[in-house]
C-alpha atoms as a PDB file:
ATOM      1  CA  MET A   1       2.403  14.457  11.641  1.00  0.00           C
ATOM      2  CA  LYS A   2      -0.595  15.113   7.822  1.00  0.00           C
ATOM      3  CA  ASN A   3      -0.141  12.204   5.690  1.00  0.00           C
ATOM      4  CA  LYS A   4       1.939  10.299   7.104  1.00  0.00           C
ATOM      5  CA  TYR A   5       0.940   6.833   4.828  1.00  0.00           C
ATOM      6  CA  GLY A   6       0.735   7.146   1.289  1.00  0.00           C
ATOM      7  CA  VAL A   7       0.365   4.077  -1.857  1.00  0.00           C
ATOM      8  CA  ARG A   8       2.206   2.450  -4.729  1.00  0.00           C
ATOM      9  CA  ILE A   9       0.369   0.925  -7.234  1.00  0.00           C
ATOM     10  CA  TYR A  10       2.090  -1.773  -9.429  1.00  0.00           C
ATOM     11  CA  PRO A  11       0.413  -3.521 -12.420  1.00  0.00           C
ATOM     12  CA  LEU A  12       2.192  -7.236 -12.313  1.00  0.00           C
ATOM     13  CA  ASP A  13      -0.239  -8.518 -15.457  1.00  0.00           C
ATOM     14  CA  LYS A  14      -3.236  -8.182 -16.902  1.00  0.00           C
ATOM     15  CA  LYS A  15      -5.621  -9.290 -14.368  1.00  0.00           C
ATOM     16  CA  VAL A  16      -3.543  -8.165 -10.898  1.00  0.00           C
ATOM     17  CA  ILE A  17      -1.741  -4.962  -9.444  1.00  0.00           C
ATOM     18  CA  LEU A  18      -0.092  -4.835  -6.341  1.00  0.00           C
ATOM     19  CA  ILE A  19      -0.776  -1.900  -3.681  1.00  0.00           C
ATOM     20  CA  LYS A  20       1.379  -1.129  -1.107  1.00  0.00           C
ATOM     21  CA  GLN A  21       1.070   0.860   1.455  1.00  0.00           C
ATOM     22  CA  THR A  22       4.465   3.652   1.998  1.00  0.00           C
ATOM     23  CA  VAL A  23       5.195   5.776   5.017  1.00  0.00           C
ATOM     24  CA  LYS A  24       6.880   8.564   5.678  1.00  0.00           C
ATOM     25  CA  LYS A  25       9.751   8.213   8.285  1.00  0.00           C
ATOM     26  CA  ASP A  26      10.287  11.177  10.614  1.00  0.00           C
ATOM     27  CA  GLY A  27      12.061  14.106   9.315  1.00  0.00           C
ATOM     28  CA  SER A  28      12.058  12.968   5.693  1.00  0.00           C
ATOM     29  CA  SER A  29      10.089  14.000   2.618  1.00  0.00           C
ATOM     30  CA  ASN A  30      10.478  10.225   1.201  1.00  0.00           C
ATOM     31  CA  TYR A  31       8.125   7.900   1.265  1.00  0.00           C
ATOM     32  CA  VAL A  32       9.075   4.371   1.646  1.00  0.00           C
ATOM     33  CA  VAL A  33       7.676   1.012   1.145  1.00  0.00           C
ATOM     34  CA  ASP A  34       6.630   0.243   4.498  1.00  0.00           C
ATOM     35  CA  THR A  35       7.437  -3.201   6.305  1.00  0.00           C
ATOM     36  CA  MET A  36       5.509  -5.135   8.987  1.00  0.00           C
ATOM     37  CA  ALA A  37       8.205  -5.757  12.078  1.00  0.00           C
ATOM     38  CA  ASP A  38       8.670 -10.137  10.277  1.00  0.00           C
ATOM     39  CA  GLY A  39      10.146  -7.710   6.908  1.00  0.00           C
ATOM     40  CA  GLU A  40       6.872  -8.264   4.465  1.00  0.00           C
ATOM     41  CA  HIS A  41       6.121  -5.278   2.908  1.00  0.00           C
ATOM     42  CA  ARG A  42       2.347  -4.143   3.656  1.00  0.00           C
ATOM     43  CA  GLU A  43       1.144  -4.769   0.507  1.00  0.00           C
ATOM     44  CA  ALA A  44      -2.458  -6.697  -1.304  1.00  0.00           C
ATOM     45  CA  HIS A  45      -3.073  -8.077  -4.061  1.00  0.00           C
ATOM     46  CA  VAL A  46      -5.925  -7.269  -6.042  1.00  0.00           C
ATOM     47  CA  ASP A  47      -7.833  -8.515  -9.514  1.00  0.00           C
ATOM     48  CA  ILE A  48      -7.786  -5.561 -11.899  1.00  0.00           C
ATOM     49  CA  ASN A  49     -11.576  -5.373 -12.192  1.00  0.00           C
ATOM     50  CA  ASP A  50     -12.226  -5.269  -8.790  1.00  0.00           C
ATOM     51  CA  ASP A  51     -12.895  -1.257  -8.156  1.00  0.00           C
ATOM     52  CA  ARG A  52     -14.024  -2.350  -4.594  1.00  0.00           C
ATOM     53  CA  GLY A  53     -11.070  -4.164  -3.490  1.00  0.00           C
ATOM     54  CA  ILE A  54      -8.638  -1.700  -5.223  1.00  0.00           C
ATOM     55  CA  ALA A  55     -10.594   1.244  -3.406  1.00  0.00           C
ATOM     56  CA  ASP A  56     -10.885  -0.777  -0.145  1.00  0.00           C
ATOM     57  CA  ALA A  57      -6.792  -1.593  -0.620  1.00  0.00           C
ATOM     58  CA  VAL A  58      -5.817   2.324  -0.970  1.00  0.00           C
ATOM     59  CA  ARG A  59      -7.988   3.706   1.864  1.00  0.00           C
ATOM     60  CA  THR A  60      -6.318   1.125   4.289  1.00  0.00           C
ATOM     61  CA  ALA A  61      -3.371   1.743   3.122  1.00  0.00           C
ATOM     62  CA  LEU A  62      -3.449   5.873   3.063  1.00  0.00           C
ATOM     63  CA  THR A  63      -4.706   4.868   7.443  1.00  0.00           C
ATOM     64  CA  GLY A  64      -1.451   2.775   7.895  1.00  0.00           C
ATOM     65  CA  ASN A  65      -3.512  -0.654   8.325  1.00  0.00           C
ATOM     66  CA  LEU A  66      -2.943  -2.533   4.719  1.00  0.00           C
ATOM     67  CA  GLN A  67      -1.578  -5.893   6.172  1.00  0.00           C
ATOM     68  CA  ARG A  68      -0.106  -8.257   3.742  1.00  0.00           C
ATOM     69  CA  SER A  69      -2.324 -10.385   1.060  1.00  0.00           C
END
Protein backbone atom coordinates (compact mmCIF):
# COMPACT_ATOMS: atom_id res chain seq x y z
CA MET A 1 0.00 0.00 0.00
CA LYS A 2 1.41 3.37 -0.97
CA ASN A 3 1.61 6.05 1.74
CA LYS A 4 0.32 3.80 4.50
CA TYR A 5 1.93 5.95 7.22
CA GLY A 6 1.66 9.66 7.92
CA VAL A 7 2.57 12.18 10.60
CA ARG A 8 0.77 14.67 12.81
CA ILE A 9 2.74 17.42 14.53
CA TYR A 10 1.47 19.38 17.52
CA PRO A 11 3.10 22.24 19.44
CA LEU A 12 3.06 21.47 23.17
CA ASP A 13 4.73 24.64 24.34
CA LYS A 14 7.46 26.99 23.17
CA LYS A 15 10.13 24.29 23.63
CA VAL A 16 8.64 20.92 22.62
CA ILE A 17 6.65 19.52 19.72
CA LEU A 18 4.80 16.22 19.68
CA ILE A 19 5.15 14.05 16.58
CA LYS A 20 2.59 11.26 16.22
CA GLN A 21 2.73 8.46 13.68
CA THR A 22 -0.52 7.88 11.80
CA VAL A 23 -1.66 4.91 9.77
CA LYS A 24 -4.18 4.47 6.99
CA LYS A 25 -6.28 1.38 7.63
CA ASP A 26 -7.07 -0.93 4.69
CA GLY A 27 -10.12 0.25 2.79
CA SER A 28 -10.10 3.71 4.38
CA SER A 29 -8.97 7.06 3.05
CA ASN A 30 -8.45 8.46 6.56
CA TYR A 31 -5.34 8.35 8.72
CA VAL A 32 -5.66 7.61 12.45
CA VAL A 33 -3.06 7.82 15.23
CA ASP A 34 -1.11 4.57 15.27
CA THR A 35 -0.99 2.64 18.53
CA MET A 36 1.32 -0.07 19.81
CA ALA A 37 0.14 -3.41 21.20
CA ASP A 38 0.02 -1.93 24.73
CA GLY A 39 -2.31 0.86 23.56
CA GLU A 40 0.29 3.63 23.72
CA HIS A 41 0.54 6.00 20.77
CA ARG A 42 3.58 5.88 18.50
CA GLU A 43 4.95 9.35 19.21
CA ALA A 44 8.02 11.39 19.95
CA HIS A 45 8.56 14.54 22.00
CA VAL A 46 11.26 16.65 20.35
CA ASP A 47 12.86 19.97 21.26
CA ILE A 48 11.49 22.55 18.85
CA ASN A 49 15.03 23.71 18.03
CA ASP A 50 16.33 20.19 17.27
CA ASP A 51 16.00 20.19 13.47
CA ARG A 52 17.76 16.86 13.09
CA GLY A 53 15.63 15.24 15.80
CA ILE A 54 12.45 16.52 14.15
CA ALA A 55 13.51 15.31 10.71
CA ASP A 56 14.56 11.91 12.08
CA ALA A 57 11.26 11.45 13.95
CA VAL A 58 9.23 12.40 10.86
CA ARG A 59 11.25 10.05 8.61
CA THR A 60 10.91 7.23 11.13
CA ALA A 61 7.14 7.76 11.40
CA LEU A 62 6.73 7.77 7.62
CA THR A 63 8.31 4.31 7.50
CA GLY A 64 6.00 3.06 10.29
CA ASN A 65 8.76 2.57 12.87
CA LEU A 66 8.24 5.35 15.42
CA GLN A 67 8.30 4.19 19.04
CA ARG A 68 7.16 6.09 22.14
CA SER A 69 9.76 8.52 23.47
